[in-house]
PDB file of all heavy atoms in Angstrom:
ATOM      1  N   THR A   1      21.582   0.060 -81.126  1.00  0.00           N
ATOM      2  CA  THR A   1      20.842  -0.793 -82.054  1.00  0.00           C
ATOM      3  C   THR A   1      19.530  -0.094 -82.396  1.00  0.00           C
ATOM      4  O   THR A   1      18.984   0.661 -81.592  1.00  0.00           O
ATOM      5  CB  THR A   1      20.537  -2.175 -81.435  1.00  0.00           C
ATOM      6  OG1 THR A   1      19.724  -2.008 -80.272  1.00  0.00           O
ATOM      7  CG2 THR A   1      21.824  -2.897 -81.054  1.00  0.00           C
ATOM      8  N   HIS A   2      19.023  -0.374 -83.602  1.00  0.00           N
ATOM      9  CA  HIS A   2      17.851   0.334 -84.106  1.00  0.00           C
ATOM     10  C   HIS A   2      16.950  -0.649 -84.841  1.00  0.00           C
ATOM     11  O   HIS A   2      17.391  -1.294 -85.801  1.00  0.00           O
ATOM     12  CB  HIS A   2      18.289   1.478 -85.031  1.00  0.00           C
ATOM     13  CG  HIS A   2      19.330   2.353 -84.395  1.00  0.00           C
ATOM     14  ND1 HIS A   2      19.014   3.463 -83.649  1.00  0.00           N
ATOM     15  CD2 HIS A   2      20.683   2.223 -84.355  1.00  0.00           C
ATOM     16  CE1 HIS A   2      20.137   4.008 -83.182  1.00  0.00           C
ATOM     17  NE2 HIS A   2      21.155   3.282 -83.605  1.00  0.00           N
ATOM     18  N   LEU A   3      15.701  -0.768 -84.399  1.00  0.00           N
ATOM     19  CA  LEU A   3      14.796  -1.785 -84.908  1.00  0.00           C
ATOM     20  C   LEU A   3      13.495  -1.176 -85.424  1.00  0.00           C
ATOM     21  O   LEU A   3      12.961  -0.246 -84.813  1.00  0.00           O
ATOM     22  CB  LEU A   3      14.460  -2.793 -83.803  1.00  0.00           C
ATOM     23  CG  LEU A   3      15.645  -3.413 -83.049  1.00  0.00           C
ATOM     24  CD1 LEU A   3      15.138  -4.296 -81.920  1.00  0.00           C
ATOM     25  CD2 LEU A   3      16.556  -4.187 -83.985  1.00  0.00           C
ATOM     26  N   HIS A   4      12.982  -1.742 -86.541  1.00  0.00           N
ATOM     27  CA  HIS A   4      11.745  -1.228 -87.138  1.00  0.00           C
ATOM     28  C   HIS A   4      10.942  -2.373 -87.753  1.00  0.00           C
ATOM     29  O   HIS A   4      11.482  -3.444 -88.050  1.00  0.00           O
ATOM     30  CB  HIS A   4      12.062  -0.205 -88.239  1.00  0.00           C
ATOM     31  CG  HIS A   4      12.767   1.014 -87.738  1.00  0.00           C
ATOM     32  ND1 HIS A   4      12.104   2.084 -87.187  1.00  0.00           N
ATOM     33  CD2 HIS A   4      14.094   1.314 -87.697  1.00  0.00           C
ATOM     34  CE1 HIS A   4      12.990   3.007 -86.832  1.00  0.00           C
ATOM     35  NE2 HIS A   4      14.198   2.568 -87.136  1.00  0.00           N
ATOM     36  N   SER A   5       9.642  -2.107 -87.979  1.00  0.00           N
ATOM     37  CA  SER A   5       8.798  -3.087 -88.674  1.00  0.00           C
ATOM     38  C   SER A   5       7.686  -2.377 -89.425  1.00  0.00           C
ATOM     39  O   SER A   5       7.344  -1.220 -89.129  1.00  0.00           O
ATOM     40  CB  SER A   5       8.188  -4.082 -87.686  1.00  0.00           C
ATOM     41  OG  SER A   5       7.209  -3.457 -86.874  1.00  0.00           O
ATOM     42  N   GLN A   6       7.114  -3.081 -90.412  1.00  0.00           N
ATOM     43  CA  GLN A   6       5.993  -2.555 -91.202  1.00  0.00           C
ATOM     44  C   GLN A   6       5.149  -3.737 -91.658  1.00  0.00           C
ATOM     45  O   GLN A   6       5.304  -4.261 -92.757  1.00  0.00           O
ATOM     46  CB  GLN A   6       6.510  -1.745 -92.397  1.00  0.00           C
ATOM     47  CG  GLN A   6       5.422  -0.953 -93.114  1.00  0.00           C
ATOM     48  CD  GLN A   6       5.987  -0.099 -94.234  1.00  0.00           C
ATOM     49  OE1 GLN A   6       7.058  -0.372 -94.781  1.00  0.00           O
ATOM     50  NE2 GLN A   6       5.268   0.955 -94.571  1.00  0.00           N
ATOM     51  N   GLY A   7       4.216  -4.135 -90.786  1.00  0.00           N
ATOM     52  CA  GLY A   7       3.443  -5.354 -91.018  1.00  0.00           C
ATOM     53  C   GLY A   7       2.488  -5.290 -92.187  1.00  0.00           C
ATOM     54  O   GLY A   7       2.004  -6.333 -92.644  1.00  0.00           O
ATOM     55  N   MET A   8       2.216  -4.105 -92.722  1.00  0.00           N
ATOM     56  CA  MET A   8       1.294  -4.007 -93.852  1.00  0.00           C
ATOM     57  C   MET A   8       1.818  -4.742 -95.089  1.00  0.00           C
ATOM     58  O   MET A   8       1.051  -5.080 -95.989  1.00  0.00           O
ATOM     59  CB  MET A   8       1.021  -2.540 -94.199  1.00  0.00           C
ATOM     60  CG  MET A   8       2.209  -1.774 -94.724  1.00  0.00           C
ATOM     61  SD  MET A   8       1.850  -0.017 -95.045  1.00  0.00           S
ATOM     62  CE  MET A   8       0.743  -0.161 -96.460  1.00  0.00           C
ATOM     63  N   HIS A   9       3.119  -5.017 -95.099  1.00  0.00           N
ATOM     64  CA  HIS A   9       3.703  -5.717 -96.249  1.00  0.00           C
ATOM     65  C   HIS A   9       4.062  -7.172 -95.920  1.00  0.00           C
ATOM     66  O   HIS A   9       4.889  -7.788 -96.614  1.00  0.00           O
ATOM     67  CB  HIS A   9       4.963  -4.986 -96.724  1.00  0.00           C
ATOM     68  CG  HIS A   9       4.699  -3.580 -97.185  1.00  0.00           C
ATOM     69  ND1 HIS A   9       3.678  -3.273 -98.056  1.00  0.00           N
ATOM     70  CD2 HIS A   9       5.331  -2.408 -96.900  1.00  0.00           C
ATOM     71  CE1 HIS A   9       3.685  -1.967 -98.288  1.00  0.00           C
ATOM     72  NE2 HIS A   9       4.664  -1.423 -97.600  1.00  0.00           N
ATOM     73  N   ALA A  10       3.459  -7.718 -94.870  1.00  0.00           N
ATOM     74  CA  ALA A  10       3.810  -9.059 -94.405  1.00  0.00           C
ATOM     75  C   ALA A  10       3.705 -10.123 -95.502  1.00  0.00           C
ATOM     76  O   ALA A  10       4.542 -11.026 -95.588  1.00  0.00           O
ATOM     77  CB  ALA A  10       2.923  -9.452 -93.224  1.00  0.00           C
ATOM     78  N   GLU A  11       2.709 -10.023 -96.376  1.00  0.00           N
ATOM     79  CA  GLU A  11       2.488 -11.093 -97.352  1.00  0.00           C
ATOM     80  C   GLU A  11       3.290 -10.915 -98.636  1.00  0.00           C
ATOM     81  O   GLU A  11       3.124 -11.696 -99.577  1.00  0.00           O
ATOM     82  CB  GLU A  11       0.995 -11.203 -97.657  1.00  0.00           C
ATOM     83  CG  GLU A  11       0.193 -11.653 -96.446  1.00  0.00           C
ATOM     84  CD  GLU A  11      -1.210 -12.113 -96.793  1.00  0.00           C
ATOM     85  OE1 GLU A  11      -1.546 -12.116 -97.993  1.00  0.00           O
ATOM     86  OE2 GLU A  11      -1.950 -12.473 -95.864  1.00  0.00           O
ATOM     87  N   GLU A  12       4.183  -9.927 -98.665  1.00  0.00           N
ATOM     88  CA  GLU A  12       5.059  -9.757 -99.834  1.00  0.00           C
ATOM     89  C   GLU A  12       6.264 -10.701 -99.773  1.00  0.00           C
ATOM     90  O   GLU A  12       6.942 -10.920-100.766  1.00  0.00           O
ATOM     91  CB  GLU A  12       5.545  -8.306 -99.935  1.00  0.00           C
ATOM     92  CG  GLU A  12       4.448  -7.274-100.023  1.00  0.00           C
ATOM     93  CD  GLU A  12       3.586  -7.414-101.266  1.00  0.00           C
ATOM     94  OE1 GLU A  12       4.011  -8.094-102.226  1.00  0.00           O
ATOM     95  OE2 GLU A  12       2.471  -6.849-101.286  1.00  0.00           O
ATOM     96  N   LEU A  13       6.531 -11.253 -98.587  1.00  0.00           N
ATOM     97  CA  LEU A  13       7.622 -12.216 -98.403  1.00  0.00           C
ATOM     98  C   LEU A  13       7.179 -13.130 -97.273  1.00  0.00           C
ATOM     99  O   LEU A  13       7.246 -12.762 -96.101  1.00  0.00           O
ATOM    100  CB  LEU A  13       8.931 -11.487 -98.068  1.00  0.00           C
ATOM    101  CG  LEU A  13      10.183 -12.333 -97.828  1.00  0.00           C
ATOM    102  CD1 LEU A  13      10.401 -13.347 -98.941  1.00  0.00           C
ATOM    103  CD2 LEU A  13      11.400 -11.418 -97.672  1.00  0.00           C
ATOM    104  N   ILE A  14       6.734 -14.331 -97.625  1.00  0.00           N
ATOM    105  CA  ILE A  14       5.974 -15.119 -96.647  1.00  0.00           C
ATOM    106  C   ILE A  14       6.013 -16.614 -96.954  1.00  0.00           C
ATOM    107  O   ILE A  14       6.151 -17.026 -98.105  1.00  0.00           O
ATOM    108  CB  ILE A  14       4.492 -14.632 -96.641  1.00  0.00           C
ATOM    109  CG1 ILE A  14       3.704 -15.208 -95.475  1.00  0.00           C
ATOM    110  CG2 ILE A  14       3.823 -14.931 -97.979  1.00  0.00           C
ATOM    111  CD1 ILE A  14       2.314 -14.607 -95.327  1.00  0.00           C
ATOM    112  N   VAL A  15       5.907 -17.416 -95.898  1.00  0.00           N
ATOM    113  CA  VAL A  15       5.525 -18.826 -96.000  1.00  0.00           C
ATOM    114  C   VAL A  15       4.238 -18.957 -95.200  1.00  0.00           C
ATOM    115  O   VAL A  15       4.237 -18.760 -93.984  1.00  0.00           O
ATOM    116  CB  VAL A  15       6.604 -19.771 -95.430  1.00  0.00           C
ATOM    117  CG1 VAL A  15       6.084 -21.207 -95.407  1.00  0.00           C
ATOM    118  CG2 VAL A  15       7.877 -19.701 -96.266  1.00  0.00           C
ATOM    119  N   LYS A  16       3.140 -19.256 -95.853  1.00  0.00           N
ATOM    120  CA  LYS A  16       1.828 -19.230 -95.200  1.00  0.00           C
ATOM    121  C   LYS A  16       1.549 -20.458 -94.340  1.00  0.00           C
ATOM    122  O   LYS A  16       0.862 -20.375 -93.327  1.00  0.00           O
ATOM    123  CB  LYS A  16       0.723 -19.078 -96.247  1.00  0.00           C
ATOM    124  CG  LYS A  16       0.692 -17.699 -96.897  1.00  0.00           C
ATOM    125  CD  LYS A  16      -0.539 -17.546 -97.774  1.00  0.00           C
ATOM    126  CE  LYS A  16      -0.630 -16.130 -98.339  1.00  0.00           C
ATOM    127  NZ  LYS A  16      -1.844 -15.937 -99.164  1.00  0.00           N
ATOM    128  N   ALA A  17       2.024 -21.613 -94.742  1.00  0.00           N
ATOM    129  CA  ALA A  17       1.704 -22.840 -94.009  1.00  0.00           C
ATOM    130  C   ALA A  17       2.812 -23.169 -93.012  1.00  0.00           C
ATOM    131  O   ALA A  17       3.958 -22.769 -93.215  1.00  0.00           O
ATOM    132  CB  ALA A  17       1.533 -23.995 -94.994  1.00  0.00           C
ATOM    133  N   PRO A  18       2.539 -23.884 -91.916  1.00  0.00           N
ATOM    134  CA  PRO A  18       1.248 -24.478 -91.595  1.00  0.00           C
ATOM    135  C   PRO A  18       0.226 -23.500 -91.029  1.00  0.00           C
ATOM    136  O   PRO A  18      -0.953 -23.847 -90.935  1.00  0.00           O
ATOM    137  CB  PRO A  18       1.590 -25.553 -90.565  1.00  0.00           C
ATOM    138  CG  PRO A  18       2.821 -25.068 -89.914  1.00  0.00           C
ATOM    139  CD  PRO A  18       3.583 -24.328 -90.982  1.00  0.00           C
ATOM    140  N   GLY A  19       0.610 -22.314 -90.633  1.00  0.00           N
ATOM    141  CA  GLY A  19      -0.322 -21.261 -90.271  1.00  0.00           C
ATOM    142  C   GLY A  19      -1.476 -21.693 -89.391  1.00  0.00           C
ATOM    143  O   GLY A  19      -2.618 -21.763 -89.844  1.00  0.00           O
ATOM    144  N   MET A  20      -1.190 -21.999 -88.142  1.00  0.00           N
ATOM    145  CA  MET A  20      -2.218 -22.513 -87.231  1.00  0.00           C
ATOM    146  C   MET A  20      -3.401 -21.549 -87.081  1.00  0.00           C
ATOM    147  O   MET A  20      -4.510 -21.958 -86.761  1.00  0.00           O
ATOM    148  CB  MET A  20      -1.608 -22.761 -85.836  1.00  0.00           C
ATOM    149  CG  MET A  20      -0.488 -23.774 -85.830  1.00  0.00           C
ATOM    150  SD  MET A  20      -1.037 -25.424 -86.281  1.00  0.00           S
ATOM    151  CE  MET A  20       0.396 -26.384 -85.841  1.00  0.00           C
ATOM    152  N   GLY A  21      -3.165 -20.259 -87.292  1.00  0.00           N
ATOM    153  CA  GLY A  21      -4.239 -19.289 -87.110  1.00  0.00           C
ATOM    154  C   GLY A  21      -5.247 -19.261 -88.238  1.00  0.00           C
ATOM    155  O   GLY A  21      -6.347 -18.724 -88.088  1.00  0.00           O
ATOM    156  N   THR A  22      -4.887 -19.832 -89.380  1.00  0.00           N
ATOM    157  CA  THR A  22      -5.774 -19.764 -90.548  1.00  0.00           C
ATOM    158  C   THR A  22      -6.226 -21.133 -91.054  1.00  0.00           C
ATOM    159  O   THR A  22      -7.200 -21.221 -91.791  1.00  0.00           O
ATOM    160  CB  THR A  22      -5.066 -19.031 -91.711  1.00  0.00           C
ATOM    161  OG1 THR A  22      -3.817 -19.696 -92.008  1.00  0.00           O
ATOM    162  CG2 THR A  22      -4.771 -17.582 -91.331  1.00  0.00           C
ATOM    163  N   ARG A  23      -5.529 -22.193 -90.674  1.00  0.00           N
ATOM    164  CA  ARG A  23      -5.903 -23.525 -91.149  1.00  0.00           C
ATOM    165  C   ARG A  23      -5.784 -24.528 -90.002  1.00  0.00           C
ATOM    166  O   ARG A  23      -4.813 -24.510 -89.255  1.00  0.00           O
ATOM    167  CB  ARG A  23      -4.993 -23.970 -92.302  1.00  0.00           C
ATOM    168  CG  ARG A  23      -5.027 -23.054 -93.511  1.00  0.00           C
ATOM    169  CD  ARG A  23      -3.978 -23.464 -94.530  1.00  0.00           C
ATOM    170  NE  ARG A  23      -4.304 -24.714 -95.192  1.00  0.00           N
ATOM    171  CZ  ARG A  23      -3.439 -25.375 -95.967  1.00  0.00           C
ATOM    172  NH1 ARG A  23      -2.222 -24.916 -96.154  1.00  0.00           N
ATOM    173  NH2 ARG A  23      -3.800 -26.490 -96.559  1.00  0.00           N
ATOM    174  N   TRP A  24      -6.759 -25.431 -89.910  1.00  0.00           N
ATOM    175  CA  TRP A  24      -6.684 -26.498 -88.918  1.00  0.00           C
ATOM    176  C   TRP A  24      -5.715 -27.573 -89.410  1.00  0.00           C
ATOM    177  O   TRP A  24      -5.683 -27.904 -90.595  1.00  0.00           O
ATOM    178  CB  TRP A  24      -8.061 -27.125 -88.702  1.00  0.00           C
ATOM    179  CG  TRP A  24      -9.053 -26.195 -88.076  1.00  0.00           C
ATOM    180  CD1 TRP A  24      -9.988 -25.442 -88.708  1.00  0.00           C
ATOM    181  CD2 TRP A  24      -9.172 -25.907 -86.691  1.00  0.00           C
ATOM    182  NE1 TRP A  24     -10.706 -24.697 -87.812  1.00  0.00           N
ATOM    183  CE2 TRP A  24     -10.231 -24.962 -86.547  1.00  0.00           C
ATOM    184  CE3 TRP A  24      -8.512 -26.347 -85.533  1.00  0.00           C
ATOM    185  CZ2 TRP A  24     -10.620 -24.464 -85.304  1.00  0.00           C
ATOM    186  CZ3 TRP A  24      -8.914 -25.846 -84.296  1.00  0.00           C
ATOM    187  CH2 TRP A  24      -9.951 -24.925 -84.203  1.00  0.00           C
ATOM    188  N   VAL A  25      -4.944 -28.127 -88.511  1.00  0.00           N
ATOM    189  CA  VAL A  25      -4.012 -29.201 -88.876  1.00  0.00           C
ATOM    190  C   VAL A  25      -4.770 -30.382 -89.471  1.00  0.00           C
ATOM    191  O   VAL A  25      -4.328 -31.002 -90.442  1.00  0.00           O
ATOM    192  CB  VAL A  25      -3.204 -29.650 -87.642  1.00  0.00           C
ATOM    193  CG1 VAL A  25      -2.376 -30.887 -87.980  1.00  0.00           C
ATOM    194  CG2 VAL A  25      -2.290 -28.538 -87.162  1.00  0.00           C
ATOM    195  N   THR A  26      -5.908 -30.697 -88.916  1.00  0.00           N
ATOM    196  CA  THR A  26      -6.700 -31.820 -89.440  1.00  0.00           C
ATOM    197  C   THR A  26      -7.119 -31.579 -90.889  1.00  0.00           C
ATOM    198  O   THR A  26      -7.177 -32.515 -91.695  1.00  0.00           O
ATOM    199  CB  THR A  26      -7.942 -32.040 -88.568  1.00  0.00           C
ATOM    200  OG1 THR A  26      -8.604 -30.775 -88.366  1.00  0.00           O
ATOM    201  CG2 THR A  26      -7.570 -32.620 -87.217  1.00  0.00           C
TER     202      THR A  26
END
């Protein structure tokens, strides 16, 4: 098996919410 990643393009395919790290639930 062979696995790779490239996080620099994370926001090219994304669901941002609920995103606890960037927005408070309240």
